[in-house]
Amino acid sequence: MAEFGERNGREAEELDGTQSRDVLEPVCGTGDPTVTVPRGLRCSNPERRKKLVLHVDLNNTILVSDSVIAQGTIAALEHFLSTVTWGRMSKGKWEWLSDSPSLHPPCDGAVSYHSHFGRTAGFSSNVGRRFRGILEEHLNLLRWPEGTKGDKELSVKGEGGHLYHWILPSFFQLLTDLVLEGQEFAIVFRSFGNDLPRVLSAVSRALTEGAHPLFPDLPQLKLSVNMTTGKIRCSRKGIVLSRAEEHLSSRDGERGLYQYFSSAKGLGGFQDHFDWWSSNGSSIRGGKPLWVDPFDQHVQHIFIDDNIRQDDEHTIIQPKPGGADTRTACTSELYDITLVQTDLLKAISQQNYFTQRVHICLENYERNLQQGAG
């Protein structure tokens, strides 16, 4: 793990000085000698690891947009900034307590601008103008490669007419890194919105046709995509999961749902139940269900979502017991073990961001297992 963390997911140059991106070598750990990658990208630790099942939100996690409220690239980034900039009311006026965004408040008594005032159109052009430079910097980083023709699925035209990445490059880097590390994994997209079919189609094209200009070698990863979207619906009677001919219910036992997701392969996705979350005060009680067993030595589930909060009254994931422990854990117990709160700005600016967050969860999970065994 440490070596991959030090490499930060970047491509390592061959020690022989060739620095060639064109020579291909087999990937270790896949069991398929036909899976090849650019020379210099090698696994240094081929030992068998536990399987990873990554549940990945879409809007403001790997997409800088929000189909639920029809936000485009700029508006979505403006909104995110308002959720990670902090201040307080003082003598009837808003007082800023930090000049840089952060996921957590910089001091006691600080609240995010959004939590106090709600959605604010044109945030960085008005009250949040001190953060305008940060907005423009990250919009520039999101720009589709200059001189490259736009792609109908992988690029999107923003409010200003510029072309932007629709799916963050850091997500495709994550897929690449996990394969190169010999990590067995599955990706389950989990979204309240209606973007799943388009995301699955765009990811499939990138993985099968090499359609992404920054990742033309993705087809060599040999990853499959299930194009059939599923649904997860919640009620007082329980949770029902459906996809094509598959139907499961929590009334038949939570363990079955845990095992279902633990057996996932390739990439696929489910639309979660927004109305249920909203009707439960946007709290953990109505959150996207995540079945977890923090003592499973063979499978680790990780949910990556920008709306994860350590305040259970304002969070988006509901951890459900998937093992012998029937107690529902609170968010703070599983934070950076099975729950990752997306820092959208870092996901834009650091191409290895998701890889790093997964590595942190792996290390913390392993520490949790050792403590449980002790």
Protein backbone atom coordinates (compact mmCIF):
# COMPACT_ATOMS: atom_id res chain seq x y z
CA MET A 1 0.00 0.00 0.00
CA ALA A 2 2.69 2.46 0.99
CA GLU A 3 4.44 2.28 -2.34
CA PHE A 4 1.26 3.01 -4.28
CA GLY A 5 0.54 5.94 -1.94
CA GLU A 6 3.98 7.37 -2.55
CA ARG A 7 3.48 7.06 -6.30
CA ASN A 8 0.17 8.90 -5.91
CA GLY A 9 -1.31 6.92 -8.77
CA ARG A 10 0.91 8.63 -11.32
CA GLU A 11 2.57 6.71 -14.09
CA ALA A 12 6.04 5.58 -13.02
CA GLU A 13 8.79 6.00 -15.56
CA GLU A 14 10.86 2.96 -16.43
CA LEU A 15 14.22 2.90 -14.68
CA ASP A 16 16.02 2.04 -17.91
CA GLY A 17 15.44 5.60 -19.08
CA THR A 18 13.23 4.78 -22.05
CA GLN A 19 10.19 6.56 -20.50
CA SER A 20 8.11 4.94 -23.22
CA ARG A 21 4.31 5.08 -23.04
CA ASP A 22 3.95 2.86 -26.10
CA VAL A 23 5.48 -0.43 -24.94
CA LEU A 24 2.85 -2.61 -23.22
CA GLU A 25 3.29 -5.14 -20.44
CA PRO A 26 0.88 -7.58 -18.74
CA VAL A 27 -0.93 -6.44 -15.62
CA CYS A 28 -0.19 -8.55 -12.55
CA GLY A 29 -3.01 -9.73 -10.37
CA THR A 30 -5.66 -9.85 -13.09
CA GLY A 31 -5.12 -13.46 -14.09
CA ASP A 32 -5.41 -12.41 -17.73
CA PRO A 33 -2.13 -12.22 -19.67
CA THR A 34 -3.92 -10.30 -22.44
CA VAL A 35 -4.52 -7.32 -20.15
CA THR A 36 -1.65 -4.94 -20.84
CA VAL A 37 -0.64 -1.48 -19.75
CA PRO A 38 2.02 1.06 -20.75
CA ARG A 39 5.51 -0.04 -19.80
CA GLY A 40 6.63 1.20 -16.40
CA LEU A 41 3.28 0.69 -14.71
CA ARG A 42 3.78 -2.39 -12.58
CA CYS A 43 2.36 -3.88 -9.42
CA SER A 44 5.02 -4.21 -6.74
CA ASN A 45 2.83 -6.18 -4.34
CA PRO A 46 1.02 -9.05 -6.09
CA GLU A 47 -0.27 -10.62 -2.86
CA ARG A 48 -3.99 -11.24 -2.77
CA ARG A 49 -6.02 -8.37 -1.33
CA LYS A 50 -9.60 -8.24 -0.15
CA LYS A 51 -12.16 -7.35 -2.79
CA LEU A 52 -13.29 -3.74 -2.97
CA VAL A 53 -16.85 -2.71 -3.79
CA LEU A 54 -16.89 1.03 -4.43
CA HIS A 55 -20.29 2.72 -4.28
CA VAL A 56 -19.82 5.99 -6.12
CA ASP A 57 -22.15 8.97 -6.18
CA LEU A 58 -22.40 10.94 -9.43
CA ASN A 59 -23.36 14.58 -8.97
CA ASN A 60 -20.59 16.67 -7.43
CA THR A 61 -18.53 13.53 -6.92
CA ILE A 62 -17.44 12.39 -10.38
CA LEU A 63 -19.72 14.82 -12.29
CA VAL A 64 -19.58 18.59 -11.78
CA SER A 65 -23.30 18.98 -12.32
CA ASP A 66 -26.54 18.04 -10.60
CA SER A 67 -29.39 16.66 -12.67
CA VAL A 68 -31.71 16.58 -9.62
CA ILE A 69 -31.87 20.39 -9.61
CA ALA A 70 -30.76 20.99 -13.23
CA GLN A 71 -27.40 22.57 -12.36
CA GLY A 72 -24.73 22.93 -15.01
CA THR A 73 -20.96 22.90 -14.49
CA ILE A 74 -20.48 26.45 -13.23
CA ALA A 75 -23.60 26.50 -11.06
CA ALA A 76 -22.70 23.15 -9.49
CA LEU A 77 -19.18 24.30 -8.66
CA GLU A 78 -20.55 27.58 -7.25
CA HIS A 79 -22.91 25.60 -5.04
CA PHE A 80 -20.18 23.28 -3.81
CA LEU A 81 -18.05 26.30 -2.84
CA SER A 82 -20.91 27.62 -0.71
CA THR A 83 -20.95 24.32 1.24
CA VAL A 84 -17.22 24.35 2.09
CA THR A 85 -16.69 28.01 2.98
CA TRP A 86 -17.25 29.03 6.59
CA GLY A 87 -18.39 31.95 8.70
CA ARG A 88 -20.93 33.07 11.29
CA MET A 89 -23.46 35.79 11.96
CA SER A 90 -22.04 38.65 14.01
CA LYS A 91 -24.12 41.69 14.98
CA GLY A 92 -26.62 40.88 12.27
CA LYS A 93 -24.00 40.53 9.52
CA TRP A 94 -22.22 37.57 7.98
CA GLU A 95 -18.56 37.32 9.02
CA TRP A 96 -16.15 35.05 7.12
CA LEU A 97 -13.94 32.86 9.30
CA SER A 98 -11.71 31.42 6.57
CA ASP A 99 -10.31 32.43 3.20
CA SER A 100 -9.95 28.91 1.81
CA PRO A 101 -12.51 26.10 1.35
CA SER A 102 -12.45 23.03 3.60
CA LEU A 103 -14.74 20.07 4.22
CA HIS A 104 -14.75 20.74 7.96
CA PRO A 105 -15.30 23.98 9.88
CA PRO A 106 -12.08 25.82 10.79
CA CYS A 107 -13.18 26.54 14.35
CA ASP A 108 -16.02 26.11 16.82
CA GLY A 109 -19.10 28.11 15.94
CA ALA A 110 -18.36 28.21 12.20
CA VAL A 111 -21.12 27.20 9.79
CA SER A 112 -21.03 26.88 6.03
CA TYR A 113 -22.60 29.67 4.04
CA HIS A 114 -25.01 27.20 2.44
CA SER A 115 -26.17 25.73 5.74
CA HIS A 116 -27.14 29.21 6.96
CA PHE A 117 -28.52 30.82 3.79
CA GLY A 118 -29.37 27.91 1.49
CA ARG A 119 -28.72 27.88 -2.24
CA THR A 120 -27.36 31.17 -3.54
CA ALA A 121 -27.19 31.85 -7.27
CA GLY A 122 -23.93 33.44 -8.39
CA PHE A 123 -22.30 32.82 -5.02
CA SER A 124 -18.73 33.76 -6.07
CA SER A 125 -19.86 36.89 -7.87
CA ASN A 126 -21.59 38.33 -4.82
CA VAL A 127 -21.15 37.51 -1.16
CA GLY A 128 -18.54 34.83 -1.93
CA ARG A 129 -16.47 36.91 -4.33
CA ARG A 130 -13.34 36.30 -2.25
CA PHE A 131 -13.53 32.72 -3.62
CA ARG A 132 -13.95 33.75 -7.26
CA GLY A 133 -10.33 32.92 -8.05
CA ILE A 134 -10.79 29.39 -6.73
CA LEU A 135 -13.85 28.92 -8.94
CA GLU A 136 -12.01 30.13 -12.05
CA GLU A 137 -8.93 28.04 -11.27
CA HIS A 138 -10.96 24.84 -11.05
CA LEU A 139 -13.06 25.65 -14.09
CA ASN A 140 -9.81 25.96 -16.05
CA LEU A 141 -8.70 22.56 -14.73
CA LEU A 142 -12.03 21.11 -15.88
CA ARG A 143 -11.62 22.35 -19.45
CA TRP A 144 -11.70 19.72 -22.17
CA PRO A 145 -8.22 19.33 -23.77
CA GLU A 146 -7.54 22.23 -26.12
CA GLY A 147 -7.48 21.25 -29.77
CA THR A 148 -9.46 18.07 -29.07
CA LYS A 149 -12.89 17.67 -30.59
CA GLY A 150 -15.68 17.55 -28.05
CA ASP A 151 -17.30 14.21 -27.28
CA LYS A 152 -21.09 13.98 -27.15
CA GLU A 153 -20.96 11.90 -23.97
CA LEU A 154 -17.65 12.64 -22.26
CA SER A 155 -17.62 16.43 -22.61
CA VAL A 156 -20.25 19.04 -21.80
CA LYS A 157 -20.72 22.66 -22.80
CA GLY A 158 -20.83 24.92 -19.77
CA GLU A 159 -22.87 28.06 -19.20
CA GLY A 160 -20.07 30.19 -20.68
CA GLY A 161 -19.85 28.14 -23.87
CA HIS A 162 -16.60 26.38 -22.90
CA LEU A 163 -16.23 22.61 -23.14
CA TYR A 164 -15.60 20.79 -19.86
CA HIS A 165 -15.00 17.23 -18.76
CA TRP A 166 -18.35 15.71 -17.85
CA ILE A 167 -16.80 12.83 -15.88
CA LEU A 168 -13.77 13.80 -13.82
CA PRO A 169 -10.45 12.39 -15.10
CA SER A 170 -9.64 11.38 -11.51
CA PHE A 171 -12.35 8.72 -11.75
CA PHE A 172 -10.76 7.12 -14.82
CA GLN A 173 -7.40 7.36 -13.05
CA LEU A 174 -8.90 5.41 -10.15
CA LEU A 175 -9.97 2.59 -12.47
CA THR A 176 -6.52 2.51 -14.03
CA ASP A 177 -4.72 2.50 -10.69
CA LEU A 178 -6.84 -0.29 -9.19
CA VAL A 179 -6.20 -2.56 -12.15
CA LEU A 180 -2.49 -1.78 -12.12
CA GLU A 181 -2.34 -2.66 -8.43
CA GLY A 182 -3.93 -6.04 -9.09
CA GLN A 183 -6.90 -5.07 -6.95
CA GLU A 184 -10.13 -7.01 -7.39
CA PHE A 185 -12.96 -4.49 -7.39
CA ALA A 186 -16.40 -3.53 -8.60
CA ILE A 187 -17.95 -0.09 -9.09
CA VAL A 188 -21.59 0.53 -8.18
CA PHE A 189 -22.82 4.00 -9.17
CA ARG A 190 -25.43 5.27 -6.71
CA SER A 191 -27.35 8.42 -7.59
CA PHE A 192 -30.64 10.16 -6.83
CA GLY A 193 -30.66 11.71 -10.30
CA ASN A 194 -31.41 10.54 -13.82
CA ASP A 195 -27.83 10.57 -15.16
CA LEU A 196 -27.12 6.88 -14.69
CA PRO A 197 -27.92 5.69 -18.24
CA ARG A 198 -25.76 8.42 -19.77
CA VAL A 199 -22.91 7.80 -17.30
CA LEU A 200 -22.95 4.05 -17.98
CA SER A 201 -22.95 4.71 -21.73
CA ALA A 202 -20.09 7.24 -21.52
CA VAL A 203 -17.98 5.03 -19.26
CA SER A 204 -18.64 2.03 -21.50
CA ARG A 205 -17.42 3.95 -24.57
CA ALA A 206 -14.29 5.06 -22.74
CA LEU A 207 -13.59 1.49 -21.59
CA THR A 208 -14.36 -0.30 -24.85
CA GLU A 209 -13.53 2.24 -27.56
CA GLY A 210 -10.77 4.29 -25.94
CA ALA A 211 -12.88 7.39 -26.54
CA HIS A 212 -11.35 9.49 -23.75
CA PRO A 213 -8.49 11.68 -25.05
CA LEU A 214 -6.58 11.51 -21.74
CA PHE A 215 -7.07 7.75 -21.29
CA PRO A 216 -6.91 6.11 -24.73
CA ASP A 217 -5.60 2.83 -23.23
CA LEU A 218 -8.64 2.13 -21.04
CA PRO A 219 -9.84 -0.78 -23.24
CA GLN A 220 -6.74 -2.70 -22.12
CA LEU A 221 -8.16 -2.81 -18.59
CA LYS A 222 -10.82 -5.29 -19.75
CA LEU A 223 -13.56 -3.91 -17.49
CA SER A 224 -17.21 -4.73 -18.18
CA VAL A 225 -20.20 -2.40 -17.77
CA ASN A 226 -23.74 -3.55 -16.96
CA MET A 227 -25.87 -1.09 -18.93
CA THR A 228 -29.12 -1.99 -17.13
CA THR A 229 -29.85 0.52 -14.37
CA GLY A 230 -31.38 -0.70 -11.14
CA LYS A 231 -33.54 0.96 -8.50
CA ILE A 232 -33.47 1.02 -4.72
CA ARG A 233 -36.74 2.03 -3.09
CA CYS A 234 -37.31 2.53 0.62
CA SER A 235 -40.40 2.63 2.82
CA ARG A 236 -41.40 1.91 6.37
CA LYS A 237 -41.87 -1.71 5.34
CA GLY A 238 -38.27 -2.07 4.21
CA ILE A 239 -35.96 -1.69 1.22
CA VAL A 240 -36.52 -3.21 -2.21
CA LEU A 241 -33.78 -3.53 -4.82
CA SER A 242 -34.58 -4.33 -8.43
CA ARG A 243 -32.63 -4.58 -11.68
CA ALA A 244 -34.02 -6.40 -14.70
CA GLU A 245 -35.02 -9.83 -13.32
CA GLU A 246 -33.26 -9.30 -10.00
CA HIS A 247 -35.44 -8.49 -6.98
CA LEU A 248 -34.31 -8.43 -3.35
CA SER A 249 -35.95 -7.13 -0.20
CA SER A 250 -34.64 -6.32 3.27
CA ARG A 251 -37.68 -8.17 4.60
CA ASP A 252 -35.90 -11.35 3.56
CA GLY A 253 -32.86 -10.35 5.62
CA GLU A 254 -30.23 -7.63 5.40
CA ARG A 255 -27.47 -10.19 4.89
CA GLY A 256 -28.80 -11.12 1.46
CA LEU A 257 -28.45 -7.52 0.26
CA TYR A 258 -24.93 -7.35 1.66
CA GLN A 259 -23.99 -10.53 -0.19
CA TYR A 260 -25.63 -9.26 -3.37
CA PHE A 261 -23.45 -6.14 -3.50
CA SER A 262 -20.39 -8.07 -2.29
CA SER A 263 -20.67 -10.31 -5.36
CA ALA A 264 -20.85 -7.36 -7.80
CA LYS A 265 -18.57 -7.45 -10.85
CA GLY A 266 -17.46 -4.78 -13.28
CA LEU A 267 -19.35 -1.49 -13.29
CA GLY A 268 -23.09 -0.91 -12.87
CA GLY A 269 -25.48 1.40 -11.14
CA PHE A 270 -28.66 1.98 -9.11
CA GLN A 271 -30.91 4.98 -8.71
CA ASP A 272 -31.53 5.64 -5.02
CA HIS A 273 -34.71 7.02 -3.48
CA PHE A 274 -34.48 10.82 -3.27
CA ASP A 275 -38.06 11.35 -2.05
CA TRP A 276 -37.45 9.00 0.89
CA TRP A 277 -34.30 10.91 1.91
CA SER A 278 -36.11 14.24 1.57
CA SER A 279 -39.11 13.05 3.58
CA ASN A 280 -36.74 12.01 6.37
CA GLY A 281 -35.25 15.48 6.69
CA SER A 282 -32.22 14.74 4.47
CA SER A 283 -30.78 12.77 7.39
CA ILE A 284 -29.17 9.40 7.94
CA ARG A 285 -32.64 7.89 8.52
CA GLY A 286 -33.55 8.23 4.85
CA GLY A 287 -30.07 8.01 3.35
CA LYS A 288 -28.84 5.75 0.58
CA PRO A 289 -28.53 2.34 2.27
CA LEU A 290 -25.05 0.85 2.50
CA TRP A 291 -24.79 -2.67 3.88
CA VAL A 292 -21.48 -3.04 5.69
CA ASP A 293 -19.68 -5.64 7.72
CA PRO A 294 -16.61 -3.88 9.17
CA PHE A 295 -15.11 -7.22 10.19
CA ASP A 296 -15.38 -8.96 6.81
CA GLN A 297 -11.84 -10.00 5.92
CA HIS A 298 -12.65 -10.71 2.28
CA VAL A 299 -14.76 -7.76 1.06
CA GLN A 300 -14.62 -4.06 1.88
CA HIS A 301 -17.39 -1.67 0.86
CA ILE A 302 -16.63 2.04 0.44
CA PHE A 303 -19.17 4.74 -0.38
CA ILE A 304 -17.87 7.97 -1.96
CA ASP A 305 -20.32 10.89 -1.88
CA ASP A 306 -19.99 14.67 -1.49
CA ASN A 307 -22.98 14.84 0.87
CA ILE A 308 -21.54 12.54 3.52
CA ARG A 309 -21.38 14.46 6.80
CA GLN A 310 -20.33 13.41 10.30
CA ASP A 311 -23.54 15.05 11.52
CA ASP A 312 -26.12 12.28 11.16
CA GLU A 313 -28.95 14.81 10.92
CA HIS A 314 -27.43 16.15 7.70
CA THR A 315 -25.89 13.23 5.86
CA ILE A 316 -26.80 11.05 2.89
CA ILE A 317 -25.72 7.46 3.66
CA GLN A 318 -27.45 5.06 6.02
CA PRO A 319 -25.05 2.28 7.05
CA LYS A 320 -26.97 -0.98 7.42
CA PRO A 321 -25.66 -4.07 9.23
CA GLY A 322 -24.46 -6.69 6.79
CA GLY A 323 -22.85 -9.02 9.28
CA ALA A 324 -23.48 -10.45 12.73
CA ASP A 325 -23.57 -6.95 14.28
CA THR A 326 -27.17 -5.74 13.96
CA ARG A 327 -26.48 -2.24 15.29
CA THR A 328 -26.63 0.57 12.74
CA ALA A 329 -23.38 2.54 12.96
CA CYS A 330 -23.25 6.32 12.92
CA THR A 331 -21.34 8.14 10.19
CA SER A 332 -18.43 9.19 12.40
CA GLU A 333 -17.65 5.54 13.23
CA LEU A 334 -17.18 4.66 9.57
CA TYR A 335 -15.72 7.93 8.25
CA ASP A 336 -12.63 7.21 6.13
CA ILE A 337 -13.16 3.48 6.67
CA THR A 338 -16.22 2.80 4.52
CA LEU A 339 -17.45 6.38 4.01
CA VAL A 340 -15.59 9.03 2.00
CA GLN A 341 -16.82 12.61 1.84
CA THR A 342 -15.81 13.87 -1.59
CA ASP A 343 -13.74 17.02 -1.73
CA LEU A 344 -14.82 18.09 -5.20
CA LEU A 345 -12.09 20.72 -5.54
CA LYS A 346 -9.38 18.13 -4.88
CA ALA A 347 -11.11 15.60 -7.12
CA ILE A 348 -10.76 18.20 -9.88
CA SER A 349 -7.23 19.39 -9.12
CA GLN A 350 -5.59 16.09 -8.10
CA GLN A 351 -5.86 13.31 -10.65
CA ASN A 352 -4.94 10.72 -8.00
CA TYR A 353 -7.48 12.01 -5.47
CA PHE A 354 -9.88 9.03 -5.47
CA THR A 355 -6.99 6.56 -5.45
CA GLN A 356 -5.55 8.23 -2.36
CA ARG A 357 -8.88 8.21 -0.55
CA VAL A 358 -9.38 4.51 -1.28
CA HIS A 359 -5.89 3.74 0.04
CA ILE A 360 -6.66 5.61 3.27
CA CYS A 361 -9.84 3.57 3.73
CA LEU A 362 -7.97 0.33 3.07
CA GLU A 363 -5.39 1.17 5.71
CA ASN A 364 -8.01 2.23 8.27
CA TYR A 365 -10.12 -0.85 7.57
CA GLU A 366 -7.14 -3.11 8.11
CA ARG A 367 -6.38 -1.35 11.39
CA ASN A 368 -10.02 -1.86 12.40
CA LEU A 369 -9.75 -5.59 11.63
CA GLN A 370 -6.59 -5.91 13.71
CA GLN A 371 -8.18 -4.11 16.65
CA GLY A 372 -11.26 -6.33 16.40
CA ALA A 373 -9.06 -9.43 16.38
CA GLY A 374 -7.20 -8.15 19.42
